[in-house]
N, C-alpha and C. Protein backbone atom coordinates (compact mmCIF):
# COMPACT_ATOMS: atom_id res chain seq x y z
N MET A 1 0.82 -1.24 0.12
CA MET A 1 -0.16 -0.15 0.12
C MET A 1 0.81 1.16 0.11
N ALA A 2 0.75 2.16 -1.06
CA ALA A 2 1.26 2.94 -1.11
C ALA A 2 0.67 4.11 -0.71
N GLY A 3 1.88 5.25 0.22
CA GLY A 3 1.41 6.41 0.83
C GLY A 3 0.63 6.14 2.23
N ILE A 4 1.32 4.91 2.97
CA ILE A 4 1.18 5.23 3.96
C ILE A 4 2.38 5.04 4.77
N PHE A 5 1.94 5.87 5.86
CA PHE A 5 3.46 6.47 6.81
C PHE A 5 4.28 5.31 7.68
N THR A 6 5.12 4.52 6.60
CA THR A 6 6.04 3.63 6.86
C THR A 6 7.20 4.22 6.82
N ARG A 7 8.22 3.43 6.97
CA ARG A 7 10.06 3.67 7.47
C ARG A 7 9.95 3.28 5.66
N PRO A 8 9.77 2.46 4.83
CA PRO A 8 10.45 2.22 3.26
C PRO A 8 9.50 3.39 2.58
N GLU A 9 8.50 3.95 2.95
CA GLU A 9 8.11 5.14 2.41
C GLU A 9 8.91 6.82 3.35
N ILE A 10 8.90 6.45 4.16
CA ILE A 10 10.01 7.76 4.52
C ILE A 10 11.38 7.55 3.74
N ALA A 11 11.93 6.10 4.10
CA ALA A 11 13.23 6.07 2.95
C ALA A 11 13.35 6.52 1.51
N LYS A 12 12.22 6.28 0.80
CA LYS A 12 11.72 6.85 -0.40
C LYS A 12 11.75 8.22 -0.65
N ILE A 13 11.06 9.11 0.24
CA ILE A 13 10.86 10.68 0.00
C ILE A 13 12.42 11.15 0.93
N LEU A 14 12.95 10.38 2.06
CA LEU A 14 14.77 10.67 2.17
C LEU A 14 15.39 11.08 0.67
N ASN A 15 15.43 9.85 0.52
CA ASN A 15 16.28 9.33 -0.22
C ASN A 15 16.06 10.35 -2.29
N ASP A 16 15.06 10.94 -2.16
CA ASP A 16 14.53 11.03 -3.50
C ASP A 16 15.23 12.64 -3.71
N GLU A 17 15.96 13.05 -4.71
CA GLU A 17 17.35 13.63 -4.83
C GLU A 17 16.84 15.20 -5.58
N SER A 18 15.18 14.87 -5.93
CA SER A 18 14.74 15.99 -6.80
C SER A 18 14.31 17.07 -5.71
N LEU A 19 14.00 16.38 -4.39
CA LEU A 19 13.46 17.32 -3.42
C LEU A 19 14.10 18.29 -2.39
N ASP A 20 13.46 19.67 -2.52
CA ASP A 20 14.42 19.99 -1.30
C ASP A 20 14.14 19.55 0.15
N ALA A 21 15.06 20.25 1.06
CA ALA A 21 14.26 19.56 2.95
C ALA A 21 12.87 19.84 2.65
N ASP A 22 12.46 21.26 2.84
CA ASP A 22 11.13 21.80 2.52
C ASP A 22 10.01 20.82 2.22
N GLU A 23 10.06 20.23 0.62
CA GLU A 23 9.19 19.12 0.41
C GLU A 23 9.40 18.36 0.79
N ARG A 24 10.44 17.77 1.79
CA ARG A 24 10.55 16.67 2.20
C ARG A 24 9.84 16.15 3.48
N ILE A 25 10.15 17.04 4.24
CA ILE A 25 9.33 17.79 5.51
C ILE A 25 7.59 17.41 5.24
N ASN A 26 7.67 18.48 3.80
CA ASN A 26 6.32 18.23 4.11
C ASN A 26 5.44 17.01 3.76
N ARG A 27 6.40 16.77 2.51
CA ARG A 27 5.30 14.93 1.71
C ARG A 27 5.66 14.05 3.37
N ILE A 28 6.59 14.15 3.74
CA ILE A 28 6.92 13.13 4.83
C ILE A 28 5.23 13.77 6.46
N MET A 29 4.87 15.35 6.39
CA MET A 29 3.60 15.44 7.04
C MET A 29 2.61 15.20 6.57
N SER A 30 2.37 14.89 4.95
CA SER A 30 1.57 14.57 4.46
C SER A 30 1.38 13.36 4.16
N LEU A 31 2.05 12.24 4.50
CA LEU A 31 2.01 10.94 4.73
C LEU A 31 1.53 10.78 6.05
N ARG A 32 2.08 11.30 6.92
CA ARG A 32 1.23 10.78 8.50
C ARG A 32 -0.13 11.74 8.75
N GLY A 33 -0.51 12.53 7.85
CA GLY A 33 -1.99 12.84 8.04
C GLY A 33 -2.70 12.28 7.40
N ARG A 34 -2.06 11.40 6.40
CA ARG A 34 -3.06 10.66 5.10
C ARG A 34 -2.90 9.06 6.17
N ASP A 35 -2.33 9.17 6.67
CA ASP A 35 -1.99 7.50 7.65
C ASP A 35 -3.35 7.65 8.95
N LEU A 36 -3.45 8.69 9.67
CA LEU A 36 -4.60 9.52 10.56
C LEU A 36 -6.03 9.33 10.35
N ASP A 37 -6.25 10.04 8.75
CA ASP A 37 -7.18 9.77 8.01
C ASP A 37 -7.83 8.54 7.94
N GLU A 38 -6.99 7.55 7.38
CA GLU A 38 -7.10 6.15 7.36
C GLU A 38 -7.37 5.39 8.73
N SER A 39 -6.75 5.87 9.58
CA SER A 39 -7.17 4.74 10.77
C SER A 39 -8.24 5.63 11.59
N TYR A 40 -8.16 6.88 11.62
CA TYR A 40 -8.33 7.36 12.66
C TYR A 40 -10.62 6.90 12.41
N ILE A 41 -10.86 7.07 13.79
CA ILE A 41 -12.28 6.65 14.23
C ILE A 41 -13.16 7.62 14.95
N THR A 42 -13.97 8.21 14.26
CA THR A 42 -15.14 8.89 15.08
C THR A 42 -15.39 8.54 16.36
N LYS A 43 -15.86 9.17 17.62
CA LYS A 43 -16.52 9.15 19.02
C LYS A 43 -17.39 7.75 17.97
N SER A 44 -18.49 8.92 17.43
CA SER A 44 -19.83 7.93 17.02
C SER A 44 -19.49 6.80 16.04
N ALA A 45 -19.21 7.15 15.40
CA ALA A 45 -18.54 5.80 14.84
C ALA A 45 -18.04 4.44 15.68
N ALA A 46 -17.52 4.92 17.00
CA ALA A 46 -16.46 4.03 17.91
C ALA A 46 -17.87 3.70 18.24
N LYS A 47 -18.68 5.03 19.12
CA LYS A 47 -19.82 4.31 20.25
C LYS A 47 -21.14 3.07 19.35
N ALA A 48 -20.93 3.86 17.63
CA ALA A 48 -22.00 2.15 17.39
C ALA A 48 -21.46 1.36 16.85
N ALA A 49 -20.25 1.09 16.97
CA ALA A 49 -19.30 -0.03 16.68
C ALA A 49 -20.24 -0.94 17.85
N GLN A 50 -19.37 0.00 19.20
CA GLN A 50 -19.28 -0.72 20.19
C GLN A 50 -21.03 -1.25 20.66
N GLU A 51 -22.00 -0.33 20.78
CA GLU A 51 -23.39 -1.04 20.83
C GLU A 51 -23.59 -1.68 19.86
N GLU A 52 -22.99 -1.99 18.62
CA GLU A 52 -23.43 -3.09 17.76
C GLU A 52 -22.84 -4.48 18.30
N ALA A 53 -21.79 -4.13 18.85
CA ALA A 53 -20.78 -5.63 19.01
C ALA A 53 -21.88 -6.02 20.56
N ILE A 54 -22.03 -4.84 21.22
CA ILE A 54 -22.97 -5.82 22.96
C ILE A 54 -23.60 -6.44 22.71
N THR A 55 -25.16 -5.86 21.53
CA THR A 55 -26.30 -6.39 20.61
C THR A 55 -26.01 -7.66 20.37
N GLN A 56 -25.01 -7.29 19.81
CA GLN A 56 -24.70 -8.65 19.08
C GLN A 56 -24.08 -9.94 19.91
N ALA A 57 -23.49 -9.43 20.84
CA ALA A 57 -23.05 -10.91 22.58
C ALA A 57 -24.23 -10.85 22.81
N LYS A 58 -25.45 -10.00 22.92
CA LYS A 58 -25.94 -10.47 23.65
C LYS A 58 -27.37 -11.47 23.28
N GLU A 59 -27.04 -11.18 22.01
CA GLU A 59 -28.25 -12.12 21.13
C GLU A 59 -27.52 -13.21 20.89
N ALA A 60 -25.76 -13.14 20.89
CA ALA A 60 -25.42 -14.49 21.28
C ALA A 60 -25.80 -15.74 22.18
N TRP A 61 -25.72 -14.81 23.66
CA TRP A 61 -25.88 -15.29 24.74
C TRP A 61 -27.28 -15.67 25.14
N LEU A 62 -28.52 -14.82 24.62
CA LEU A 62 -29.48 -15.43 25.11
C LEU A 62 -29.98 -16.46 24.12
N LYS A 63 -29.30 -17.11 23.01
CA LYS A 63 -29.66 -17.80 22.43
C LYS A 63 -28.87 -19.37 23.03
N GLU A 64 -27.70 -19.05 23.96
CA GLU A 64 -26.83 -19.74 24.80
C GLU A 64 -27.48 -20.78 25.67
N GLN A 65 -28.29 -19.62 25.98
CA GLN A 65 -29.12 -19.62 26.97
C GLN A 65 -30.63 -20.94 27.21
N PRO A 66 -30.74 -21.73 27.96
CA PRO A 66 -32.34 -22.54 28.20
C PRO A 66 -32.95 -21.48 28.67
N LYS A 67 -34.19 -21.94 28.11
CA LYS A 67 -35.45 -21.37 28.05
C LYS A 67 -35.58 -21.73 29.93
N PRO A 68 -36.07 -20.16 30.41
CA PRO A 68 -36.42 -20.85 31.51
C PRO A 68 -37.89 -21.32 31.97
N ASN A 69 -38.09 -22.28 32.86
CA ASN A 69 -39.15 -23.16 33.26
C ASN A 69 -39.86 -22.40 34.48
N ILE A 70 -40.80 -22.09 34.32
CA ILE A 70 -41.46 -20.97 35.08
C ILE A 70 -42.13 -22.07 36.36
N LYS A 71 -42.51 -23.41 35.76
CA LYS A 71 -42.43 -24.38 36.62
C LYS A 71 -41.91 -24.90 37.86
N GLU A 72 -40.20 -24.90 37.66
CA GLU A 72 -39.53 -25.68 38.30
C GLU A 72 -39.18 -24.26 39.41
N SER A 73 -40.11 -23.51 39.32
CA SER A 73 -39.04 -22.12 40.62
C SER A 73 -40.21 -21.93 41.62
N PRO A 74 -38.91 -21.82 42.65
CA PRO A 74 -39.18 -21.88 44.10
C PRO A 74 -40.65 -21.58 44.28
N GLU A 75 -40.78 -20.12 43.56
CA GLU A 75 -42.32 -19.45 43.93
C GLU A 75 -43.71 -20.03 43.09
N TYR A 76 -43.10 -20.79 42.17
CA TYR A 76 -44.16 -21.41 41.40
C TYR A 76 -45.01 -23.13 42.06
N ILE A 77 -43.65 -23.49 42.59
CA ILE A 77 -44.03 -24.33 43.78
C ILE A 77 -44.40 -24.33 44.94
N GLU A 78 -43.93 -23.20 45.33
CA GLU A 78 -45.07 -23.22 47.06
C GLU A 78 -46.29 -22.18 46.41
N LEU A 79 -46.44 -22.04 45.34
CA LEU A 79 -47.80 -21.74 45.33
C LEU A 79 -48.90 -22.88 44.99
N GLN A 80 -47.87 -24.22 43.93
CA GLN A 80 -49.17 -25.08 43.70
C GLN A 80 -48.85 -25.55 44.78
N GLY A 81 -48.28 -26.23 45.65
CA GLY A 81 -48.63 -26.26 47.73
C GLY A 81 -49.58 -26.07 47.70
N LYS A 82 -49.49 -24.43 47.81
CA LYS A 82 -51.00 -24.24 48.73
C LYS A 82 -51.96 -24.16 48.31
N PHE A 83 -52.04 -24.54 46.80
CA PHE A 83 -53.34 -24.38 46.03
C PHE A 83 -53.92 -25.63 46.12
N ASP A 84 -52.83 -26.75 45.63
CA ASP A 84 -53.23 -28.61 46.12
C ASP A 84 -54.32 -28.80 47.54
N SER A 85 -53.19 -27.36 48.66
CA SER A 85 -53.82 -28.44 50.10
C SER A 85 -54.93 -27.18 49.98
N TYR A 86 -55.34 -25.88 49.49
CA TYR A 86 -56.69 -25.63 50.10
C TYR A 86 -57.84 -26.30 49.54
N ARG A 87 -57.03 -27.18 47.98
CA ARG A 87 -58.26 -28.25 47.27
C ARG A 87 -58.85 -29.32 47.94
N THR A 88 -57.92 -29.80 48.69
CA THR A 88 -57.89 -31.11 49.29
C THR A 88 -58.64 -30.42 50.82
N LYS A 89 -58.80 -29.40 51.14
CA LYS A 89 -59.15 -28.74 52.19
C LYS A 89 -60.86 -28.53 51.76
N GLN A 90 -61.20 -28.19 50.85
CA GLN A 90 -62.40 -28.44 49.89
C GLN A 90 -63.23 -29.38 50.29
N ASP A 91 -62.33 -30.46 49.47
CA ASP A 91 -62.84 -31.35 49.45
C ASP A 91 -63.30 -32.56 50.41
N ALA A 92 -62.33 -32.07 51.64
CA ALA A 92 -62.66 -32.36 52.40
C ALA A 92 -63.68 -31.67 53.57
N ARG A 93 -63.88 -30.50 53.12
CA ARG A 93 -65.08 -30.09 54.17
C ARG A 93 -66.58 -30.58 53.15
N ASN A 94 -65.87 -31.21 52.41
CA ASN A 94 -67.57 -31.24 51.23
C ASN A 94 -67.83 -33.03 51.79
N SER A 95 -66.47 -33.81 52.45
CA SER A 95 -66.85 -35.07 52.11
C SER A 95 -68.03 -35.36 53.48
N ALA A 96 -67.98 -36.92 53.35
CA ALA A 96 -69.60 -37.28 54.81
C ALA A 96 -68.26 -37.73 56.25
N ASP A 97 -67.28 -37.35 55.78
CA ASP A 97 -66.09 -37.57 56.88
C ASP A 97 -66.37 -36.52 57.71
N TYR A 98 -66.60 -35.44 57.25
CA TYR A 98 -66.43 -34.51 58.17
C TYR A 98 -67.70 -33.65 58.00
N ALA A 99 -68.93 -33.81 58.00
CA ALA A 99 -70.63 -34.17 57.86
C ALA A 99 -70.91 -33.52 59.50
N ASP A 100 -70.59 -34.54 60.63
CA ASP A 100 -70.70 -33.96 61.93
C ASP A 100 -69.71 -32.95 62.61
N VAL A 101 -68.73 -32.25 61.69
CA VAL A 101 -67.89 -31.51 62.59
C VAL A 101 -69.35 -29.73 62.56
N LYS A 102 -69.32 -29.04 63.33
CA LYS A 102 -70.25 -27.70 62.60
C LYS A 102 -69.00 -26.87 61.72
N PRO A 103 -69.95 -25.94 60.89
CA PRO A 103 -69.09 -25.34 59.87
C PRO A 103 -67.58 -24.45 60.62
N LYS A 104 -68.73 -23.49 61.16
CA LYS A 104 -67.35 -22.60 62.05
C LYS A 104 -66.16 -23.11 62.68
N PHE A 105 -65.90 -24.40 62.97
CA PHE A 105 -65.12 -25.47 63.53
C PHE A 105 -64.17 -26.49 62.51
N PHE A 106 -64.90 -26.15 61.69
CA PHE A 106 -64.18 -27.20 60.40
C PHE A 106 -62.80 -26.59 60.27
N ASP A 107 -62.39 -25.51 60.04
CA ASP A 107 -60.74 -25.13 60.34
C ASP A 107 -59.77 -25.63 61.16
N ARG A 108 -60.17 -25.38 62.11
CA ARG A 108 -59.17 -25.81 63.84
C ARG A 108 -59.50 -27.17 63.55
N VAL A 109 -61.05 -28.18 63.16
CA VAL A 109 -60.93 -29.82 63.32
C VAL A 109 -59.89 -30.04 62.36
N TYR A 110 -59.90 -29.50 61.15
CA TYR A 110 -58.89 -30.14 59.65
C TYR A 110 -57.89 -29.68 60.15
N ASP A 111 -57.43 -28.42 61.01
CA ASP A 111 -55.62 -28.01 61.40
C ASP A 111 -55.40 -29.30 62.25
N LEU A 112 -56.27 -30.14 62.92
CA LEU A 112 -55.22 -30.77 64.37
C LEU A 112 -55.56 -32.04 64.17
N LEU A 113 -55.74 -32.48 62.61
CA LEU A 113 -55.74 -33.70 62.37
C LEU A 113 -54.76 -34.26 61.73
N ASP A 114 -54.39 -35.13 61.30
CA ASP A 114 -53.26 -35.59 60.80
C ASP A 114 -52.96 -36.48 59.64
N HIS A 115 -52.75 -35.04 58.61
CA HIS A 115 -52.82 -35.56 57.30
C HIS A 115 -51.70 -36.27 56.80
N ALA A 116 -50.49 -37.17 57.01
CA ALA A 116 -49.89 -37.65 56.72
C ALA A 116 -50.29 -39.21 55.86
N ASP A 117 -49.01 -39.64 55.33
CA ASP A 117 -49.90 -40.44 54.36
C ASP A 117 -50.01 -42.06 55.66
N GLY A 118 -49.25 -42.52 56.29
CA GLY A 118 -49.12 -43.10 56.98
C GLY A 118 -50.05 -42.61 58.76
N ALA A 119 -50.97 -41.84 58.67
CA ALA A 119 -51.96 -41.64 59.20
C ALA A 119 -53.26 -42.63 60.15
N LYS A 120 -53.93 -42.51 60.89
CA LYS A 120 -55.13 -43.21 60.84
C LYS A 120 -55.78 -42.64 60.35
N PRO A 121 -56.91 -43.23 59.94
CA PRO A 121 -58.21 -42.73 59.22
C PRO A 121 -58.64 -41.66 59.77
N VAL A 122 -59.26 -40.69 59.23
CA VAL A 122 -59.93 -39.52 59.79
C VAL A 122 -61.37 -40.03 60.96
N ASN A 123 -62.39 -40.92 60.27
CA ASN A 123 -63.13 -41.31 61.03
C ASN A 123 -62.42 -41.68 62.36
N GLU A 124 -61.65 -42.36 62.56
CA GLU A 124 -61.14 -43.02 64.01
C GLU A 124 -60.23 -41.87 64.74
N GLN A 125 -60.14 -40.81 64.23
CA GLN A 125 -59.25 -39.50 64.58
C GLN A 125 -60.48 -38.69 64.70
N LEU A 126 -61.34 -38.31 64.35
CA LEU A 126 -62.92 -37.76 64.72
C LEU A 126 -63.16 -38.15 65.57
N ALA A 127 -62.99 -39.38 65.89
CA ALA A 127 -64.02 -40.55 67.00
C ALA A 127 -62.86 -39.67 68.45
N GLU A 128 -61.63 -39.89 68.25
CA GLU A 128 -60.77 -39.34 69.47
C GLU A 128 -61.27 -38.12 69.40
N MET A 129 -60.91 -37.16 68.47
CA MET A 129 -61.27 -36.08 69.17
C MET A 129 -62.45 -35.20 69.87
N ARG A 130 -63.67 -36.02 69.22
CA ARG A 130 -65.08 -35.73 69.76
C ARG A 130 -64.87 -36.23 71.22
N LYS A 131 -64.09 -36.92 71.91
CA LYS A 131 -64.24 -36.45 73.37
C LYS A 131 -63.47 -35.97 73.99
N GLU A 132 -62.59 -35.36 73.82
CA GLU A 132 -61.87 -33.88 74.03
C GLU A 132 -62.70 -32.47 73.82
N TYR A 133 -63.02 -32.45 72.25
CA TYR A 133 -63.82 -30.95 71.92
C TYR A 133 -65.11 -31.82 71.63
N GLU A 134 -65.77 -32.07 71.84
CA GLU A 134 -67.51 -32.11 71.55
C GLU A 134 -68.13 -30.84 71.35
N GLU A 135 -67.66 -29.84 71.56
CA GLU A 135 -68.18 -28.52 71.08
C GLU A 135 -67.91 -28.65 69.61
N TYR A 136 -66.87 -29.12 69.31
CA TYR A 136 -66.61 -28.55 67.81
C TYR A 136 -67.32 -29.64 67.29
N PHE A 137 -68.11 -30.45 67.49
CA PHE A 137 -69.03 -31.40 66.24
C PHE A 137 -71.04 -31.10 67.08
N VAL A 138 -71.32 -31.46 65.88
CA VAL A 138 -72.75 -31.27 65.82
C VAL A 138 -73.53 -32.26 66.68
N ALA A 139 -74.31 -32.23 67.96
CA ALA A 139 -74.91 -33.04 69.12
C ALA A 139 -75.61 -34.49 68.04
N PRO A 140 -75.30 -35.52 69.01
CA PRO A 140 -76.02 -36.50 68.19
C PRO A 140 -77.64 -36.66 68.41
N GLN A 141 -78.31 -36.57 67.67
CA GLN A 141 -79.70 -36.52 67.81
C GLN A 141 -80.73 -37.71 68.31
N ALA A 142 -81.77 -37.51 69.54
CA ALA A 142 -81.83 -38.76 70.09
C ALA A 142 -82.63 -39.37 69.10
N ASN A 143 -82.96 -40.62 69.75
CA ASN A 143 -84.02 -41.56 69.10
C ASN A 143 -85.60 -41.95 69.30
N THR A 144 -85.81 -40.39 69.64
CA THR A 144 -87.38 -40.27 70.38
C THR A 144 -88.34 -40.16 68.82
N PRO A 145 -89.09 -41.13 68.45
CA PRO A 145 -90.24 -41.04 67.59
C PRO A 145 -91.01 -39.83 67.68
N ALA A 146 -91.21 -39.17 66.01
CA ALA A 146 -91.64 -38.51 65.88
C ALA A 146 -93.03 -38.99 66.47
N PRO A 147 -94.33 -37.94 66.77
CA PRO A 147 -95.71 -38.46 67.58
C PRO A 147 -96.37 -37.98 66.10
N ALA A 148 -97.23 -38.91 65.84
CA ALA A 148 -98.24 -39.25 65.36
C ALA A 148 -99.16 -37.70 64.88
N LYS A 149 -99.30 -37.62 65.88
CA LYS A 149 -100.26 -36.26 64.85
C LYS A 149 -99.56 -34.97 65.81
N PRO A 150 -99.93 -33.96 65.02
CA PRO A 150 -99.03 -32.73 65.31
C PRO A 150 -99.35 -32.07 66.56
N MET A 151 -98.64 -32.11 67.84
CA MET A 151 -99.20 -31.46 68.98
C MET A 151 -98.89 -29.50 68.98
N PHE A 152 -99.93 -28.83 69.45
CA PHE A 152 -99.65 -27.71 69.83
C PHE A 152 -99.23 -27.84 70.85
N GLY A 153 -98.35 -26.82 71.87
CA GLY A 153 -98.85 -26.38 73.46
C GLY A 153 -98.31 -27.60 74.21
N ALA A 154 -98.51 -27.74 75.36
CA ALA A 154 -98.53 -29.03 76.28
C ALA A 154 -99.22 -30.36 75.98
N LYS A 155 -98.47 -31.28 76.52
CA LYS A 155 -99.11 -32.29 76.27
C LYS A 155 -100.46 -32.19 77.61
N PRO A 156 -101.88 -32.99 77.12
CA PRO A 156 -102.77 -32.82 78.16
C PRO A 156 -102.85 -33.80 78.75
N GLU A 157 -102.82 -33.28 80.45
CA GLU A 157 -102.66 -34.54 81.50
C GLU A 157 -103.62 -33.96 82.35
N GLY A 158 -103.89 -34.69 82.97
CA GLY A 158 -104.85 -34.92 84.01
C GLY A 158 -106.38 -34.41 84.19
N SER A 159 -107.56 -33.61 84.40
CA SER A 159 -108.59 -33.69 84.09
C SER A 159 -109.11 -31.85 84.54
N MET A 160 -110.32 -31.40 84.04
CA MET A 160 -110.30 -30.05 83.96
C MET A 160 -110.44 -29.60 85.33
N PRO A 161 -110.59 -29.27 85.78
CA PRO A 161 -111.21 -28.12 87.35
C PRO A 161 -112.61 -28.21 87.49
N LYS A 162 -113.46 -29.09 88.25
CA LYS A 162 -114.98 -28.66 88.25
C LYS A 162 -115.49 -27.92 88.72
N GLY A 163 -115.84 -26.54 88.06
CA GLY A 163 -116.61 -25.69 88.75
C GLY A 163 -115.31 -24.80 90.11
N GLU A 164 -116.17 -24.31 91.06
CA GLU A 164 -115.47 -24.05 92.15
C GLU A 164 -114.92 -24.55 93.38
N GLU A 165 -115.23 -25.56 93.42
CA GLU A 165 -114.64 -26.44 94.18
C GLU A 165 -113.79 -26.96 93.95
N GLY A 166 -113.18 -27.25 92.52
CA GLY A 166 -111.78 -27.74 91.56
C GLY A 166 -111.34 -26.33 91.44
N ALA A 167 -111.44 -25.66 91.71
CA ALA A 167 -110.51 -23.76 91.12
C ALA A 167 -109.88 -23.94 92.91
N VAL A 168 -110.95 -23.82 93.97
CA VAL A 168 -110.51 -23.13 94.52
C VAL A 168 -108.99 -24.12 95.47
N THR A 169 -110.09 -25.39 95.40
CA THR A 169 -108.93 -26.37 95.74
C THR A 169 -107.64 -26.66 95.42
N ALA A 170 -107.09 -25.89 94.29
CA ALA A 170 -106.42 -25.66 92.91
C ALA A 170 -105.39 -24.91 93.79
N PHE A 171 -106.01 -23.44 93.61
CA PHE A 171 -105.42 -21.76 94.12
C PHE A 171 -104.82 -22.52 95.63
N SER A 172 -105.57 -23.02 96.36
CA SER A 172 -105.33 -23.13 97.41
C SER A 172 -103.75 -23.50 97.89
N LYS A 173 -103.81 -25.29 96.93
CA LYS A 173 -102.52 -26.11 96.76
C LYS A 173 -101.59 -25.26 96.11
N ALA A 174 -101.56 -24.53 95.15
CA ALA A 174 -100.68 -23.72 94.22
C ALA A 174 -100.09 -22.97 95.50
N TRP A 175 -100.55 -21.82 96.14
CA TRP A 175 -100.52 -21.29 97.56
C TRP A 175 -100.11 -21.68 98.41
N GLY A 176 -100.41 -22.73 98.81
CA GLY A 176 -99.98 -22.79 100.35
C GLY A 176 -101.02 -22.04 101.20
N PHE A 177 -102.07 -21.77 101.19
CA PHE A 177 -102.79 -21.58 102.40
C PHE A 177 -104.28 -22.21 101.73
N ALA A 178 -105.07 -22.08 103.18
CA ALA A 178 -106.30 -22.53 103.21
C ALA A 178 -107.32 -21.46 103.19
N PRO A 179 -108.68 -21.31 102.51
CA PRO A 179 -109.65 -20.42 102.47
C PRO A 179 -110.32 -20.07 104.25
N ASN A 180 -110.70 -19.15 104.72
CA ASN A 180 -111.97 -19.25 105.45
C ASN A 180 -113.02 -19.49 105.32
N LYS A 181 -113.81 -20.29 106.62
CA LYS A 181 -115.01 -20.65 106.15
C LYS A 181 -115.69 -20.63 107.13
């Protein structure tokens, strides 16, 4: 490449006898100026080249990275565990095993039970808990047969008072005094 600021080019200018000293200096200085022009990079060009290199490096790095699996993140696993626990609790709330538990005490009873894999069945645990915490459970219904006829008021027992004689006697017995005769 001719015209670049190198030793052979400078030696050629210095050995040229047709040039006087001032012309030799001018030619050497112009060689130096051309060399600077060819290799000179402006700040804006350097910044653009730098940004392009960074963009290419980012793209290459992103292509190398594996796609993140959200379902393997600790936050997702924790949230999924909470949801599964909630769903299991709601299924238990609607099951026949917990039918005798009062609704306002269900959460407390459910939390007191052992839900591990090797735990006793729920019915046995509830029977043991019923002994300690009977207020958490609905009272068992008495096996009294329903009356054949509808009843309004008290059962009729005894007989009606008969005139003055019966009323006076009933009154005196109730209040504990005997009327004057």
